[in-house]
Amino acid sequence: MTFIAVGIGAAVAVGSAAYAGQQQKKAQSQALAAQENAYGQQQSLLSPYSDAGKTALTQLAALNAGNYSGV
């Protein structure tokens, strides 16, 4: 009878571990989605500043080359 109890206990443990693994995978997927969303929002918020910097660098390069027409 104790062998049956041990077998049942082992089956329950395996089932619990499988369920926990599924829950962990689901949580990791949700965390990754949240991080990707935050990254996308940050990129869109910083885009105007990045564009302004690129424009300024282009103008500075033109000035350094002696082109003062854009001033």
PDB file of N, CA and C in Angstrom:
ATOM      1  N   MET A   1       0.819  -1.191   0.000  1.00  0.00           N
ATOM      2  CA  MET A   1       0.000   0.000   0.000  1.00  0.00           C
ATOM      3  C   MET A   1       0.862   1.255   0.000  1.00  0.00           C
ATOM      4  N   THR A   2       1.994   1.228   0.651  1.00  0.00           N
ATOM      5  CA  THR A   2       2.854   2.403   0.669  1.00  0.00           C
ATOM      6  C   THR A   2       3.433   2.692  -0.714  1.00  0.00           C
ATOM      7  N   PHE A   3       3.616   1.621  -1.533  1.00  0.00           N
ATOM      8  CA  PHE A   3       4.104   1.849  -2.887  1.00  0.00           C
ATOM      9  C   PHE A   3       3.084   2.627  -3.706  1.00  0.00           C
ATOM     10  N   ILE A   4       1.822   2.369  -3.479  1.00  0.00           N
ATOM     11  CA  ILE A   4       0.753   3.093  -4.186  1.00  0.00           C
ATOM     12  C   ILE A   4       0.762   4.553  -3.759  1.00  0.00           C
ATOM     13  N   ALA A   5       0.890   4.798  -2.477  1.00  0.00           N
ATOM     14  CA  ALA A   5       0.923   6.175  -1.973  1.00  0.00           C
ATOM     15  C   ALA A   5       2.133   6.931  -2.532  1.00  0.00           C
ATOM     16  N   VAL A   6       3.272   6.265  -2.595  1.00  0.00           N
ATOM     17  CA  VAL A   6       4.469   6.897  -3.143  1.00  0.00           C
ATOM     18  C   VAL A   6       4.261   7.199  -4.626  1.00  0.00           C
ATOM     19  N   GLY A   7       3.665   6.270  -5.344  1.00  0.00           N
ATOM     20  CA  GLY A   7       3.389   6.465  -6.770  1.00  0.00           C
ATOM     21  C   GLY A   7       2.441   7.623  -7.003  1.00  0.00           C
ATOM     22  N   ILE A   8       1.414   7.703  -6.192  1.00  0.00           N
ATOM     23  CA  ILE A   8       0.453   8.801  -6.321  1.00  0.00           C
ATOM     24  C   ILE A   8       1.130  10.129  -5.988  1.00  0.00           C
ATOM     25  N   GLY A   9       1.929  10.134  -4.942  1.00  0.00           N
ATOM     26  CA  GLY A   9       2.659  11.352  -4.570  1.00  0.00           C
ATOM     27  C   GLY A   9       3.598  11.811  -5.667  1.00  0.00           C
ATOM     28  N   ALA A  10       4.268  10.865  -6.288  1.00  0.00           N
ATOM     29  CA  ALA A  10       5.184  11.206  -7.376  1.00  0.00           C
ATOM     30  C   ALA A  10       4.424  11.766  -8.575  1.00  0.00           C
ATOM     31  N   ALA A  11       3.273  11.168  -8.879  1.00  0.00           N
ATOM     32  CA  ALA A  11       2.458  11.645  -9.997  1.00  0.00           C
ATOM     33  C   ALA A  11       1.964  13.064  -9.738  1.00  0.00           C
ATOM     34  N   VAL A  12       1.555  13.316  -8.508  1.00  0.00           N
ATOM     35  CA  VAL A  12       1.093  14.665  -8.156  1.00  0.00           C
ATOM     36  C   VAL A  12       2.245  15.659  -8.262  1.00  0.00           C
ATOM     37  N   ALA A  13       3.423  15.272  -7.824  1.00  0.00           N
ATOM     38  CA  ALA A  13       4.591  16.152  -7.896  1.00  0.00           C
ATOM     39  C   ALA A  13       4.955  16.466  -9.345  1.00  0.00           C
ATOM     40  N   VAL A  14       4.913  15.465 -10.204  1.00  0.00           N
ATOM     41  CA  VAL A  14       5.222  15.675 -11.617  1.00  0.00           C
ATOM     42  C   VAL A  14       4.191  16.603 -12.249  1.00  0.00           C
ATOM     43  N   GLY A  15       2.929  16.370 -11.930  1.00  0.00           N
ATOM     44  CA  GLY A  15       1.873  17.226 -12.468  1.00  0.00           C
ATOM     45  C   GLY A  15       2.015  18.662 -11.991  1.00  0.00           C
ATOM     46  N   SER A  16       2.360  18.824 -10.720  1.00  0.00           N
ATOM     47  CA  SER A  16       2.543  20.165 -10.167  1.00  0.00           C
ATOM     48  C   SER A  16       3.731  20.868 -10.811  1.00  0.00           C
ATOM     49  N   ALA A  17       4.795  20.134 -11.042  1.00  0.00           N
ATOM     50  CA  ALA A  17       5.981  20.717 -11.675  1.00  0.00           C
ATOM     51  C   ALA A  17       5.673  21.137 -13.109  1.00  0.00           C
ATOM     52  N   ALA A  18       4.920  20.324 -13.822  1.00  0.00           N
ATOM     53  CA  ALA A  18       4.558  20.666 -15.199  1.00  0.00           C
ATOM     54  C   ALA A  18       3.686  21.915 -15.226  1.00  0.00           C
ATOM     55  N   TYR A  19       2.746  21.999 -14.306  1.00  0.00           N
ATOM     56  CA  TYR A  19       1.865  23.174 -14.230  1.00  0.00           C
ATOM     57  C   TYR A  19       2.676  24.420 -13.881  1.00  0.00           C
ATOM     58  N   ALA A  20       3.580  24.286 -12.932  1.00  0.00           N
ATOM     59  CA  ALA A  20       4.422  25.421 -12.540  1.00  0.00           C
ATOM     60  C   ALA A  20       5.284  25.881 -13.711  1.00  0.00           C
ATOM     61  N   GLY A  21       5.780  24.945 -14.478  1.00  0.00           N
ATOM     62  CA  GLY A  21       6.579  25.284 -15.656  1.00  0.00           C
ATOM     63  C   GLY A  21       5.774  26.042 -16.689  1.00  0.00           C
ATOM     64  N   GLN A  22       4.544  25.629 -16.900  1.00  0.00           N
ATOM     65  CA  GLN A  22       3.669  26.332 -17.842  1.00  0.00           C
ATOM     66  C   GLN A  22       3.377  27.750 -17.359  1.00  0.00           C
ATOM     67  N   GLN A  23       3.133  27.891 -16.071  1.00  0.00           N
ATOM     68  CA  GLN A  23       2.850  29.207 -15.504  1.00  0.00           C
ATOM     69  C   GLN A  23       4.074  30.121 -15.612  1.00  0.00           C
ATOM     70  N   GLN A  24       5.250  29.561 -15.401  1.00  0.00           N
ATOM     71  CA  GLN A  24       6.468  30.353 -15.499  1.00  0.00           C
ATOM     72  C   GLN A  24       6.698  30.803 -16.938  1.00  0.00           C
ATOM     73  N   LYS A  25       6.448  29.916 -17.874  1.00  0.00           N
ATOM     74  CA  LYS A  25       6.602  30.267 -19.291  1.00  0.00           C
ATOM     75  C   LYS A  25       5.627  31.376 -19.668  1.00  0.00           C
ATOM     76  N   LYS A  26       4.403  31.292 -19.181  1.00  0.00           N
ATOM     77  CA  LYS A  26       3.392  32.317 -19.457  1.00  0.00           C
ATOM     78  C   LYS A  26       3.834  33.658 -18.861  1.00  0.00           C
ATOM     79  N   ALA A  27       4.333  33.643 -17.639  1.00  0.00           N
ATOM     80  CA  ALA A  27       4.782  34.873 -16.983  1.00  0.00           C
ATOM     81  C   ALA A  27       5.961  35.488 -17.731  1.00  0.00           C
ATOM     82  N   GLN A  28       6.883  34.658 -18.202  1.00  0.00           N
ATOM     83  CA  GLN A  28       8.028  35.169 -18.953  1.00  0.00           C
ATOM     84  C   GLN A  28       7.583  35.798 -20.267  1.00  0.00           C
ATOM     85  N   SER A  29       6.619  35.191 -20.926  1.00  0.00           N
ATOM     86  CA  SER A  29       6.108  35.745 -22.180  1.00  0.00           C
ATOM     87  C   SER A  29       5.442  37.096 -21.939  1.00  0.00           C
ATOM     88  N   GLN A  30       4.693  37.203 -20.854  1.00  0.00           N
ATOM     89  CA  GLN A  30       4.036  38.468 -20.529  1.00  0.00           C
ATOM     90  C   GLN A  30       5.064  39.541 -20.182  1.00  0.00           C
ATOM     91  N   ALA A  31       6.102  39.165 -19.456  1.00  0.00           N
ATOM     92  CA  ALA A  31       7.150  40.123 -19.096  1.00  0.00           C
ATOM     93  C   ALA A  31       7.886  40.600 -20.343  1.00  0.00           C
ATOM     94  N   LEU A  32       8.170  39.695 -21.263  1.00  0.00           N
ATOM     95  CA  LEU A  32       8.843  40.074 -22.496  1.00  0.00           C
ATOM     96  C   LEU A  32       7.973  41.018 -23.315  1.00  0.00           C
ATOM     97  N   ALA A  33       6.692  40.740 -23.402  1.00  0.00           N
ATOM     98  CA  ALA A  33       5.778  41.612 -24.138  1.00  0.00           C
ATOM     99  C   ALA A  33       5.735  43.006 -23.511  1.00  0.00           C
ATOM    100  N   ALA A  34       5.744  43.076 -22.205  1.00  0.00           N
ATOM    101  CA  ALA A  34       5.731  44.372 -21.519  1.00  0.00           C
ATOM    102  C   ALA A  34       7.020  45.140 -21.793  1.00  0.00           C
ATOM    103  N   GLN A  35       8.148  44.436 -21.793  1.00  0.00           N
ATOM    104  CA  GLN A  35       9.426  45.091 -22.076  1.00  0.00           C
ATOM    105  C   GLN A  35       9.483  45.593 -23.514  1.00  0.00           C
ATOM    106  N   GLU A  36       8.990  44.793 -24.447  1.00  0.00           N
ATOM    107  CA  GLU A  36       8.981  45.214 -25.853  1.00  0.00           C
ATOM    108  C   GLU A  36       8.082  46.429 -26.040  1.00  0.00           C
ATOM    109  N   ASN A  37       6.959  46.454 -25.342  1.00  0.00           N
ATOM    110  CA  ASN A  37       6.046  47.589 -25.425  1.00  0.00           C
ATOM    111  C   ASN A  37       6.710  48.852 -24.871  1.00  0.00           C
ATOM    112  N   ALA A  38       7.369  48.723 -23.725  1.00  0.00           N
ATOM    113  CA  ALA A  38       8.054  49.868 -23.125  1.00  0.00           C
ATOM    114  C   ALA A  38       9.170  50.368 -24.035  1.00  0.00           C
ATOM    115  N   TYR A  39       9.896  49.455 -24.660  1.00  0.00           N
ATOM    116  CA  TYR A  39      10.973  49.839 -25.574  1.00  0.00           C
ATOM    117  C   TYR A  39      10.404  50.611 -26.762  1.00  0.00           C
ATOM    118  N   GLY A  40       9.309  50.135 -27.321  1.00  0.00           N
ATOM    119  CA  GLY A  40       8.681  50.816 -28.453  1.00  0.00           C
ATOM    120  C   GLY A  40       8.200  52.213 -28.080  1.00  0.00           C
ATOM    121  N   GLN A  41       7.624  52.351 -26.892  1.00  0.00           N
ATOM    122  CA  GLN A  41       7.170  53.665 -26.440  1.00  0.00           C
ATOM    123  C   GLN A  41       8.352  54.604 -26.242  1.00  0.00           C
ATOM    124  N   GLN A  42       9.422  54.091 -25.672  1.00  0.00           N
ATOM    125  CA  GLN A  42      10.605  54.915 -25.446  1.00  0.00           C
ATOM    126  C   GLN A  42      11.194  55.377 -26.769  1.00  0.00           C
ATOM    127  N   GLN A  43      11.243  54.486 -27.737  1.00  0.00           N
ATOM    128  CA  GLN A  43      11.785  54.851 -29.049  1.00  0.00           C
ATOM    129  C   GLN A  43      10.958  55.958 -29.687  1.00  0.00           C
ATOM    130  N   SER A  44       9.632  55.858 -29.587  1.00  0.00           N
ATOM    131  CA  SER A  44       8.784  56.875 -30.199  1.00  0.00           C
ATOM    132  C   SER A  44       8.899  58.210 -29.467  1.00  0.00           C
ATOM    133  N   LEU A  45       9.109  58.182 -28.156  1.00  0.00           N
ATOM    134  CA  LEU A  45       9.267  59.424 -27.401  1.00  0.00           C
ATOM    135  C   LEU A  45      10.613  60.092 -27.689  1.00  0.00           C
ATOM    136  N   LEU A  46      11.645  59.300 -27.931  1.00  0.00           N
ATOM    137  CA  LEU A  46      12.967  59.857 -28.181  1.00  0.00           C
ATOM    138  C   LEU A  46      13.224  60.197 -29.645  1.00  0.00           C
ATOM    139  N   SER A  47      12.358  59.764 -30.522  1.00  0.00           N
ATOM    140  CA  SER A  47      12.556  59.965 -31.950  1.00  0.00           C
ATOM    141  C   SER A  47      12.735  61.433 -32.350  1.00  0.00           C
ATOM    142  N   PRO A  48      11.933  62.368 -31.848  1.00  0.00           N
ATOM    143  CA  PRO A  48      12.138  63.771 -32.246  1.00  0.00           C
ATOM    144  C   PRO A  48      13.522  64.297 -31.860  1.00  0.00           C
ATOM    145  N   TYR A  49      14.026  63.891 -30.707  1.00  0.00           N
ATOM    146  CA  TYR A  49      15.340  64.346 -30.269  1.00  0.00           C
ATOM    147  C   TYR A  49      16.441  63.717 -31.115  1.00  0.00           C
ATOM    148  N   SER A  50      16.272  62.478 -31.470  1.00  0.00           N
ATOM    149  CA  SER A  50      17.234  61.806 -32.328  1.00  0.00           C
ATOM    150  C   SER A  50      17.266  62.465 -33.705  1.00  0.00           C
ATOM    151  N   ASP A  51      16.103  62.754 -34.237  1.00  0.00           N
ATOM    152  CA  ASP A  51      16.029  63.413 -35.546  1.00  0.00           C
ATOM    153  C   ASP A  51      16.669  64.799 -35.502  1.00  0.00           C
ATOM    154  N   ALA A  52      16.416  65.551 -34.430  1.00  0.00           N
ATOM    155  CA  ALA A  52      17.008  66.883 -34.299  1.00  0.00           C
ATOM    156  C   ALA A  52      18.532  66.789 -34.228  1.00  0.00           C
ATOM    157  N   GLY A  53      19.023  65.802 -33.516  1.00  0.00           N
ATOM    158  CA  GLY A  53      20.467  65.620 -33.416  1.00  0.00           C
ATOM    159  C   GLY A  53      21.094  65.269 -34.748  1.00  0.00           C
ATOM    160  N   LYS A  54      20.425  64.423 -35.519  1.00  0.00           N
ATOM    161  CA  LYS A  54      20.945  64.056 -36.839  1.00  0.00           C
ATOM    162  C   LYS A  54      20.981  65.272 -37.761  1.00  0.00           C
ATOM    163  N   THR A  55      19.932  66.096 -37.689  1.00  0.00           N
ATOM    164  CA  THR A  55      19.885  67.304 -38.513  1.00  0.00           C
ATOM    165  C   THR A  55      21.004  68.263 -38.115  1.00  0.00           C
ATOM    166  N   ALA A  56      21.199  68.423 -36.805  1.00  0.00           N
ATOM    167  CA  ALA A  56      22.248  69.315 -36.329  1.00  0.00           C
ATOM    168  C   ALA A  56      23.628  68.824 -36.752  1.00  0.00           C
ATOM    169  N   LEU A  57      23.855  67.531 -36.714  1.00  0.00           N
ATOM    170  CA  LEU A  57      25.148  66.986 -37.132  1.00  0.00           C
ATOM    171  C   LEU A  57      25.393  67.216 -38.618  1.00  0.00           C
ATOM    172  N   THR A  58      24.346  67.108 -39.416  1.00  0.00           N
ATOM    173  CA  THR A  58      24.470  67.355 -40.858  1.00  0.00           C
ATOM    174  C   THR A  58      24.839  68.814 -41.101  1.00  0.00           C
ATOM    175  N   GLN A  59      24.175  69.723 -40.373  1.00  0.00           N
ATOM    176  CA  GLN A  59      24.477  71.151 -40.521  1.00  0.00           C
ATOM    177  C   GLN A  59      25.895  71.462 -40.043  1.00  0.00           C
ATOM    178  N   LEU A  60      26.313  70.850 -38.958  1.00  0.00           N
ATOM    179  CA  LEU A  60      27.660  71.074 -38.435  1.00  0.00           C
ATOM    180  C   LEU A  60      28.713  70.563 -39.413  1.00  0.00           C
ATOM    181  N   ALA A  61      28.454  69.421 -40.014  1.00  0.00           N
ATOM    182  CA  ALA A  61      29.389  68.881 -41.004  1.00  0.00           C
ATOM    183  C   ALA A  61      29.497  69.824 -42.199  1.00  0.00           C
ATOM    184  N   ALA A  62      28.371  70.404 -42.606  1.00  0.00           N
ATOM    185  CA  ALA A  62      28.402  71.356 -43.726  1.00  0.00           C
ATOM    186  C   ALA A  62      29.212  72.597 -43.344  1.00  0.00           C
ATOM    187  N   LEU A  63      29.026  73.097 -42.134  1.00  0.00           N
ATOM    188  CA  LEU A  63      29.790  74.265 -41.681  1.00  0.00           C
ATOM    189  C   LEU A  63      31.277  73.955 -41.626  1.00  0.00           C
ATOM    190  N   ASN A  64      31.615  72.770 -41.130  1.00  0.00           N
ATOM    191  CA  ASN A  64      33.024  72.375 -41.054  1.00  0.00           C
ATOM    192  C   ASN A  64      33.650  72.229 -42.435  1.00  0.00           C
ATOM    193  N   ALA A  65      32.827  71.931 -43.428  1.00  0.00           N
ATOM    194  CA  ALA A  65      33.327  71.814 -44.791  1.00  0.00           C
ATOM    195  C   ALA A  65      33.405  73.152 -45.495  1.00  0.00           C
ATOM    196  N   GLY A  66      33.001  74.247 -44.799  1.00  0.00           N
ATOM    197  CA  GLY A  66      33.060  75.571 -45.392  1.00  0.00           C
ATOM    198  C   GLY A  66      31.778  75.999 -46.059  1.00  0.00           C
ATOM    199  N   ASN A  67      30.734  75.254 -45.953  1.00  0.00           N
ATOM    200  CA  ASN A  67      29.445  75.614 -46.547  1.00  0.00           C
ATOM    201  C   ASN A  67      28.646  76.410 -45.524  1.00  0.00           C
ATOM    202  N   TYR A  68      28.583  77.720 -45.707  1.00  0.00           N
ATOM    203  CA  TYR A  68      27.873  78.579 -44.772  1.00  0.00           C
ATOM    204  C   TYR A  68      26.503  79.002 -45.295  1.00  0.00           C
ATOM    205  N   SER A  69      26.024  78.338 -46.337  1.00  0.00           N
ATOM    206  CA  SER A  69      24.741  78.723 -46.943  1.00  0.00           C
ATOM    207  C   SER A  69      23.553  78.381 -46.045  1.00  0.00           C
ATOM    208  N   GLY A  70      23.708  77.431 -45.159  1.00  0.00           N
ATOM    209  CA  GLY A  70      22.599  77.027 -44.299  1.00  0.00           C
ATOM    210  C   GLY A  70      22.495  77.844 -43.021  1.00  0.00           C
ATOM    211  N   VAL A  71      23.379  78.821 -42.851  1.00  0.00           N
ATOM    212  CA  VAL A  71      23.411  79.592 -41.608  1.00  0.00           C
ATOM    213  C   VAL A  71      22.387  80.684 -41.637  1.00  0.00           C
TER     214      VAL A  71
END
